[in-house]
Amino acid sequence: SKEELKNLLRLLASQNSMWTRSYVVSYVSGLDDIIVLENRLNMNAIDFRNVFSIYFGTKISMELETLLRAYIKSMTEVLSLLKRNYLSLSNNASSPNLVLEQNLKSATDNWNAIGIEIANFLASINPNWQAMQMETLILDHIEMTRDMMEQRLRRDYAYEVNQYDFIEYHSLLIADVISNGIIEMFY
């Protein structure tokens, strides 16, 4: 039903936000659960694929999963470089590592490019999803997530938790846009 679709997409979006934050916390803290969390994030891509396959078929849903996995990989690369950059700056405040900063910029650009690719893909499969609206939503989400990563690295925990609240709300907004588009197209 329409209501079940909306609730399921909101659940998946909320889970994605939560598992992303858990991954960030564990990675920054050097916890042993990082591979479990990365696997769980990738399971979320499979969950989205399964929902999309009901409406758009196997080929399109598999393409979405591939894009979501690339998005997750880019996110983890940015976090890794942010942590290395933060540690480098902490240890050598007088001389920034220009190569590391350039790699971080490149990884962030790649993450944004994948976000734009996802937005364009979604717009191509459903006329109710406007490419610019989806792009804005996804790029804002990337920016908020990266800010959360930096806040965690700086140990600005109160600000980071507050940022997570915005990320979760924003994830639900994206889920609503997606579910509304599916409802308009198929119901």
Foldseek 3Di string as FASTA:
>chain_A
DLVVLLVLLLVLLLVLLVLLLVLLLCVLVVHPCNVVSLVVNLVSLVSQLVSVCVQQNNVLSVVSSVLSNQLSVLLVQLLVLLSVQLVQCVVPVVDGDPVSVVSNVVSLVSNLVSQLVSLVSLCVRFVLRDSVVSSVLSVVLSVLSVVLSNCVNVVVVVVSVVSSVVNSVSSSVSSVSVSVRSVVVPD
